[in-house]
Amino acid sequence: MYCVRKTPLVACLVLVMVCMFSMAAYARDTIRFASVSWTGVTVKTELAVSVLKSLGYQAENYMLSVPVVYKSMDTGEADVFLGNWMPSMKTIAETYFDKGTVVKSIANMEGAQYTLAAPKYVIEGGLKDFSDIAKYADKLGNKLYGIEEGNDGNEIIQAMIDKNMFGLGSFELVPSSEAGMLGQVQDKIRTGEWIVFLGWTPHYMNEIMDIGYLTGSTDDTFGGNDGLATVYTNYRKGFEKEEPNVMAFVKNLRFPLAMMNQIMTKMHKDSNLTPLKAGLSWVKAHPEVYKAWLAGVTTKDGKPALPAWEAWLKKQ
């Protein structure tokens, strides 16, 4: 069992998650999307599931941790993943790419960024680069803030600490949920305290908080280009032959940065909006995007896909 965190409790929890997922996802007629609990990936996945349902397919979104996503595709218990952030997921994902059980497909979002971030007043105060972090250990309480355990970004930070990269050997990684981490950042900003945390774009954090991204990332951390990232679609070996029409749709999926930023900002402003409702609201106003998604795609019974989707969309 692949488990990045070494504690027995977490190992057991991951094993239980895999078993539960196996039972829930076993029905072979269901198109099984794996996703992680990041707002952007959830929005993309919920939209894809909805489109396929409108075309007559059974489809579900199973939310897992990053290591379990890849283990599930490796064992044939998940079909598609729309959230392969590269290069930060390299150490987890490339094991399965090299093995041949998971296929790295098209780039569904380009120009993203994933690296360490800080409030602008921290950057203006002198902490601009990875090499500056250790200089301000006291101001930072010797802590770096991440998201859920097992996340690739957390593992990069932990490796930086374990290897004493940039002099970070005395630091502690503080894992949390996405919402929990952002709450901690906002609390620090309100009091003017210093904090360094995992940041990324697209995300509403870039709209509601005055933050910036640190320079100095290397090829063995978040990438040598200050964390600039490309998000890829992955699928399990054999799925394209089993479901060529579904894969035609999956390979059409592109998510512009502006789309994702606008959806997530709208969700932040209206707490009643689910990822699906926010996503559907956006695509209704941008038919050119979903028309491109459905080019060359049919319903499950072979009819044109676009009329079926638009008929379903009007009812939402």
Protein backbone atom coordinates (compact mmCIF):
# COMPACT_ATOMS: atom_id res chain seq x y z
CA MET A 1 0.00 0.00 0.00
CA TYR A 2 1.41 3.37 -1.04
CA CYS A 3 1.34 5.80 1.88
CA VAL A 4 3.63 8.81 2.07
CA ARG A 5 2.97 9.52 5.73
CA LYS A 6 4.61 6.81 7.80
CA THR A 7 2.39 6.74 10.90
CA PRO A 8 0.40 3.51 11.42
CA LEU A 9 -2.86 5.40 12.01
CA VAL A 10 -2.69 7.24 8.70
CA ALA A 11 -1.61 4.04 6.92
CA CYS A 12 -4.69 2.29 8.29
CA LEU A 13 -6.96 5.17 7.29
CA VAL A 14 -5.60 5.13 3.75
CA LEU A 15 -6.16 1.36 3.54
CA VAL A 16 -9.74 1.79 4.73
CA MET A 17 -10.30 4.53 2.14
CA VAL A 18 -9.08 2.26 -0.64
CA CYS A 19 -11.33 -0.58 0.51
CA MET A 20 -14.38 1.68 0.78
CA PHE A 21 -13.64 3.15 -2.63
CA SER A 22 -13.31 -0.33 -4.11
CA MET A 23 -16.75 -1.33 -2.90
CA ALA A 24 -18.42 1.93 -3.90
CA ALA A 25 -16.87 2.07 -7.35
CA TYR A 26 -17.02 -1.57 -8.40
CA ALA A 27 -19.98 -1.25 -10.78
CA ARG A 28 -18.38 -1.53 -14.20
CA ASP A 29 -21.06 0.56 -15.89
CA THR A 30 -20.05 3.64 -13.91
CA ILE A 31 -17.46 6.12 -15.18
CA ARG A 32 -15.38 6.70 -12.07
CA PHE A 33 -13.68 10.05 -11.69
CA ALA A 34 -11.18 10.42 -8.88
CA SER A 35 -10.63 13.89 -7.46
CA VAL A 36 -9.02 15.61 -4.51
CA SER A 37 -10.55 18.12 -2.11
CA TRP A 38 -9.26 21.20 -3.90
CA THR A 39 -11.92 23.61 -5.08
CA GLY A 40 -10.70 23.82 -8.67
CA VAL A 41 -10.36 20.08 -9.19
CA THR A 42 -13.79 19.54 -7.63
CA VAL A 43 -15.40 22.08 -9.98
CA LYS A 44 -13.82 20.49 -13.06
CA THR A 45 -14.75 16.98 -12.00
CA GLU A 46 -18.35 17.80 -11.06
CA LEU A 47 -18.86 19.49 -14.43
CA ALA A 48 -17.44 16.49 -16.30
CA VAL A 49 -19.64 14.07 -14.35
CA SER A 50 -22.73 16.17 -15.08
CA VAL A 51 -22.03 16.29 -18.80
CA LEU A 52 -21.65 12.52 -18.97
CA LYS A 53 -24.86 11.98 -17.00
CA SER A 54 -26.71 14.22 -19.47
CA LEU A 55 -25.40 11.95 -22.24
CA GLY A 56 -26.85 8.84 -20.64
CA TYR A 57 -23.84 7.54 -18.72
CA GLN A 58 -23.58 6.63 -15.09
CA ALA A 59 -20.74 8.70 -13.65
CA GLU A 60 -19.52 9.48 -10.17
CA ASN A 61 -16.91 11.66 -8.48
CA TYR A 62 -14.93 9.95 -5.71
CA MET A 63 -12.93 12.33 -3.52
CA LEU A 64 -9.62 10.88 -2.32
CA SER A 65 -6.12 11.91 -1.30
CA VAL A 66 -3.49 12.22 -4.04
CA PRO A 67 -1.69 8.93 -3.25
CA VAL A 68 -5.00 7.04 -3.17
CA VAL A 69 -6.06 8.59 -6.49
CA TYR A 70 -3.04 7.04 -8.18
CA LYS A 71 -3.26 3.74 -6.36
CA SER A 72 -6.92 3.49 -7.40
CA MET A 73 -6.14 4.09 -11.07
CA ASP A 74 -3.24 1.65 -10.79
CA THR A 75 -5.55 -1.10 -9.53
CA GLY A 76 -8.34 -0.28 -11.99
CA GLU A 77 -10.71 1.13 -9.38
CA ALA A 78 -10.76 4.66 -10.82
CA ASP A 79 -10.90 5.73 -14.44
CA VAL A 80 -10.05 9.43 -14.83
CA PHE A 81 -8.30 12.17 -12.83
CA LEU A 82 -8.42 15.83 -13.94
CA GLY A 83 -6.03 17.23 -11.32
CA ASN A 84 -2.49 16.08 -12.15
CA TRP A 85 -0.50 19.21 -11.22
CA MET A 86 2.99 18.98 -12.64
CA PRO A 87 5.77 19.17 -11.68
CA SER A 88 4.68 19.12 -8.02
CA MET A 89 3.03 15.66 -8.34
CA LYS A 90 6.03 14.23 -10.17
CA THR A 91 7.30 12.00 -7.36
CA ILE A 92 3.88 10.40 -6.87
CA ALA A 93 2.50 10.29 -10.41
CA GLU A 94 5.57 9.32 -12.44
CA THR A 95 5.85 5.98 -10.62
CA TYR A 96 2.56 4.99 -12.25
CA PHE A 97 3.33 6.65 -15.60
CA ASP A 98 6.58 4.67 -15.78
CA LYS A 99 4.78 1.50 -14.72
CA GLY A 100 2.28 2.03 -17.53
CA THR A 101 -0.85 1.63 -15.41
CA VAL A 102 -1.74 5.35 -15.55
CA VAL A 103 -1.63 7.43 -18.74
CA LYS A 104 -0.62 11.09 -18.69
CA SER A 105 -2.90 12.64 -21.28
CA ILE A 106 -3.66 16.20 -22.41
CA ALA A 107 -2.99 19.43 -20.52
CA ASN A 108 -6.41 20.58 -19.36
CA MET A 109 -5.14 23.80 -17.76
CA GLU A 110 -1.96 25.74 -18.47
CA GLY A 111 -0.33 28.70 -16.74
CA ALA A 112 -1.17 27.57 -13.23
CA GLN A 113 1.18 28.07 -10.28
CA TYR A 114 1.79 26.04 -7.12
CA THR A 115 4.49 26.98 -4.66
CA LEU A 116 5.12 28.68 -1.32
CA ALA A 117 3.34 31.96 -0.76
CA ALA A 118 3.22 34.70 1.86
CA PRO A 119 1.28 37.90 2.58
CA LYS A 120 2.64 40.90 0.65
CA TYR A 121 3.80 42.59 3.86
CA VAL A 122 5.99 39.56 4.58
CA ILE A 123 7.54 39.73 1.12
CA GLU A 124 8.05 43.49 1.44
CA GLY A 125 9.64 42.83 4.83
CA GLY A 126 12.43 40.83 3.19
CA LEU A 127 11.16 37.25 2.83
CA LYS A 128 11.10 37.08 -0.94
CA ASP A 129 12.83 33.80 -1.75
CA PHE A 130 13.03 30.22 -0.47
CA SER A 131 16.53 31.06 0.73
CA ASP A 132 15.12 33.81 2.97
CA ILE A 133 12.73 31.63 4.97
CA ALA A 134 15.21 30.36 7.55
CA LYS A 135 16.38 33.93 8.28
CA TYR A 136 12.94 34.67 9.67
CA ALA A 137 12.38 31.43 11.58
CA ASP A 138 11.43 33.27 14.79
CA LYS A 139 8.84 35.46 13.05
CA LEU A 140 7.38 32.36 11.41
CA GLY A 141 7.39 30.28 14.60
CA ASN A 142 9.46 27.69 12.69
CA LYS A 143 6.30 26.60 10.86
CA LEU A 144 5.26 26.20 7.25
CA TYR A 145 1.57 25.67 6.51
CA GLY A 146 0.25 23.05 4.10
CA ILE A 147 -3.03 21.41 3.16
CA GLU A 148 -4.30 17.83 3.60
CA GLU A 149 -1.94 15.05 4.64
CA GLY A 150 -0.56 13.05 1.73
CA ASN A 151 -0.82 16.04 -0.60
CA ASP A 152 2.11 16.41 -2.99
CA GLY A 153 2.82 19.97 -1.88
CA ASN A 154 3.02 18.86 1.75
CA GLU A 155 5.43 16.11 0.77
CA ILE A 156 7.66 18.59 -1.01
CA ILE A 157 7.75 20.81 2.08
CA GLN A 158 8.41 17.83 4.35
CA ALA A 159 11.28 16.71 2.11
CA MET A 160 12.73 20.23 2.23
CA ILE A 161 12.64 20.02 6.05
CA ASP A 162 13.99 16.46 6.24
CA LYS A 163 16.89 17.29 3.91
CA ASN A 164 17.52 20.68 5.55
CA MET A 165 17.11 22.35 2.17
CA PHE A 166 17.38 26.13 2.38
CA GLY A 167 18.27 25.67 6.07
CA LEU A 168 14.74 24.54 6.95
CA GLY A 169 15.72 21.56 9.12
CA SER A 170 14.28 23.11 12.28
CA PHE A 171 10.89 23.87 10.72
CA GLU A 172 7.62 22.01 11.21
CA LEU A 173 4.98 21.33 8.56
CA VAL A 174 1.45 22.17 9.73
CA PRO A 175 -1.06 20.14 7.64
CA SER A 176 -4.70 21.16 7.36
CA SER A 177 -7.59 21.20 4.92
CA GLU A 178 -7.61 23.79 2.15
CA ALA A 179 -10.24 25.83 4.01
CA GLY A 180 -8.48 25.35 7.32
CA MET A 181 -5.14 26.56 5.97
CA LEU A 182 -6.68 29.61 4.33
CA GLY A 183 -8.45 30.42 7.59
CA GLN A 184 -5.09 30.35 9.35
CA VAL A 185 -3.61 32.65 6.71
CA GLN A 186 -6.46 35.12 7.08
CA ASP A 187 -6.08 35.10 10.86
CA LYS A 188 -2.37 35.87 10.53
CA ILE A 189 -3.06 38.67 8.06
CA ARG A 190 -5.61 40.26 10.41
CA THR A 191 -3.02 40.42 13.19
CA GLY A 192 -0.06 41.26 10.96
CA GLU A 193 1.80 38.07 11.86
CA TRP A 194 4.15 36.35 9.45
CA ILE A 195 3.25 33.12 7.68
CA VAL A 196 4.51 31.06 4.72
CA PHE A 197 2.03 28.62 3.19
CA LEU A 198 1.12 26.59 0.11
CA GLY A 199 -0.44 28.88 -2.47
CA TRP A 200 -1.72 28.33 -5.97
CA THR A 201 -3.55 29.87 -8.86
CA PRO A 202 -6.27 29.64 -10.04
CA HIS A 203 -7.92 30.14 -6.68
CA TYR A 204 -9.99 32.81 -4.98
CA MET A 205 -7.21 33.35 -2.42
CA ASN A 206 -5.54 35.51 -5.08
CA GLU A 207 -8.62 37.74 -5.22
CA ILE A 208 -9.44 38.13 -1.53
CA MET A 209 -5.99 38.27 0.08
CA ASP A 210 -2.99 40.45 -0.70
CA ILE A 211 -0.45 37.67 -1.17
CA GLY A 212 2.54 36.92 -3.37
CA TYR A 213 4.61 33.90 -4.39
CA LEU A 214 8.18 33.27 -3.30
CA THR A 215 10.98 32.90 -5.81
CA GLY A 216 13.73 30.30 -5.56
CA SER A 217 11.88 27.05 -6.19
CA THR A 218 14.14 24.35 -7.66
CA ASP A 219 13.58 21.35 -9.91
CA ASP A 220 13.46 19.07 -6.86
CA THR A 221 10.89 21.23 -5.03
CA PHE A 222 8.04 22.99 -6.89
CA GLY A 223 9.89 23.28 -10.19
CA GLY A 224 12.62 25.55 -11.49
CA ASN A 225 10.23 28.18 -12.83
CA ASP A 226 8.89 29.57 -9.54
CA GLY A 227 6.22 26.91 -9.31
CA LEU A 228 4.57 27.54 -12.67
CA ALA A 229 2.53 24.46 -13.38
CA THR A 230 0.52 22.60 -16.00
CA VAL A 231 -2.47 20.50 -14.98
CA TYR A 232 -2.92 17.25 -16.91
CA THR A 233 -5.71 14.75 -17.39
CA ASN A 234 -4.78 11.19 -16.39
CA TYR A 235 -6.63 7.93 -16.99
CA ARG A 236 -6.09 4.27 -16.20
CA LYS A 237 -4.55 1.90 -18.72
CA GLY A 238 -7.17 0.33 -20.98
CA PHE A 239 -9.90 2.89 -20.35
CA GLU A 240 -9.58 4.55 -23.75
CA LYS A 241 -10.25 1.26 -25.55
CA GLU A 242 -13.18 0.44 -23.25
CA GLU A 243 -14.85 3.85 -23.52
CA PRO A 244 -13.67 5.65 -26.70
CA ASN A 245 -16.59 8.11 -26.74
CA VAL A 246 -16.07 9.08 -23.10
CA MET A 247 -12.36 9.50 -23.74
CA ALA A 248 -13.09 11.73 -26.75
CA PHE A 249 -14.98 13.99 -24.34
CA VAL A 250 -12.32 13.77 -21.63
CA LYS A 251 -9.59 14.71 -24.10
CA ASN A 252 -11.62 17.74 -25.21
CA LEU A 253 -11.78 19.15 -21.70
CA ARG A 254 -9.94 22.46 -21.27
CA PHE A 255 -10.37 24.83 -18.35
CA PRO A 256 -9.07 28.39 -18.90
CA LEU A 257 -7.50 30.06 -15.87
CA ALA A 258 -9.99 32.93 -16.07
CA MET A 259 -12.86 30.43 -15.93
CA MET A 260 -11.58 28.78 -12.79
CA ASN A 261 -10.72 32.05 -11.03
CA GLN A 262 -14.17 33.48 -11.76
CA ILE A 263 -15.98 30.35 -10.58
CA MET A 264 -14.01 30.09 -7.34
CA THR A 265 -14.36 33.79 -6.57
CA LYS A 266 -18.12 33.50 -7.10
CA MET A 267 -18.21 30.53 -4.71
CA HIS A 268 -16.34 32.49 -2.08
CA LYS A 269 -18.80 35.39 -2.33
CA ASP A 270 -21.84 33.10 -2.13
CA SER A 271 -21.38 30.32 0.41
CA ASN A 272 -24.59 28.64 -0.77
CA LEU A 273 -23.08 27.83 -4.16
CA THR A 274 -21.80 24.30 -4.56
CA PRO A 275 -18.89 23.65 -6.95
CA LEU A 276 -21.37 22.19 -9.45
CA LYS A 277 -23.84 25.09 -9.26
CA ALA A 278 -21.07 27.64 -9.63
CA GLY A 279 -19.58 25.74 -12.55
CA LEU A 280 -22.92 25.34 -14.32
CA SER A 281 -23.67 29.05 -13.90
CA TRP A 282 -20.39 29.89 -15.62
CA VAL A 283 -20.73 27.45 -18.52
CA LYS A 284 -24.29 28.63 -19.24
CA ALA A 285 -22.81 32.05 -19.91
CA HIS A 286 -19.94 30.65 -22.02
CA PRO A 287 -21.43 28.13 -24.48
CA GLU A 288 -18.34 28.32 -26.67
CA VAL A 289 -16.45 26.42 -23.98
CA TYR A 290 -18.84 23.49 -23.64
CA LYS A 291 -19.37 23.30 -27.40
CA ALA A 292 -15.64 22.64 -27.73
CA TRP A 293 -15.90 19.97 -25.03
CA LEU A 294 -18.55 18.10 -27.00
CA ALA A 295 -17.02 18.31 -30.49
CA GLY A 296 -17.05 14.81 -32.00
CA VAL A 297 -18.84 13.33 -28.96
CA THR A 298 -22.14 11.43 -28.91
CA THR A 299 -24.61 10.34 -26.28
CA LYS A 300 -24.21 6.83 -24.92
CA ASP A 301 -26.70 5.58 -27.53
CA GLY A 302 -24.94 7.33 -30.41
CA LYS A 303 -26.95 10.54 -30.85
CA PRO A 304 -25.41 14.04 -31.07
CA ALA A 305 -24.13 15.09 -27.65
CA LEU A 306 -24.68 18.86 -27.79
CA PRO A 307 -28.52 18.88 -27.94
CA ALA A 308 -28.72 16.39 -25.06
CA TRP A 309 -26.41 18.46 -22.88
CA GLU A 310 -28.12 21.77 -23.68
CA ALA A 311 -31.55 20.27 -22.95
CA TRP A 312 -30.28 19.06 -19.57
CA LEU A 313 -28.54 22.38 -18.87
CA LYS A 314 -31.72 24.40 -19.43
CA LYS A 315 -33.39 22.53 -16.56
CA GLN A 316 -30.66 23.46 -14.07
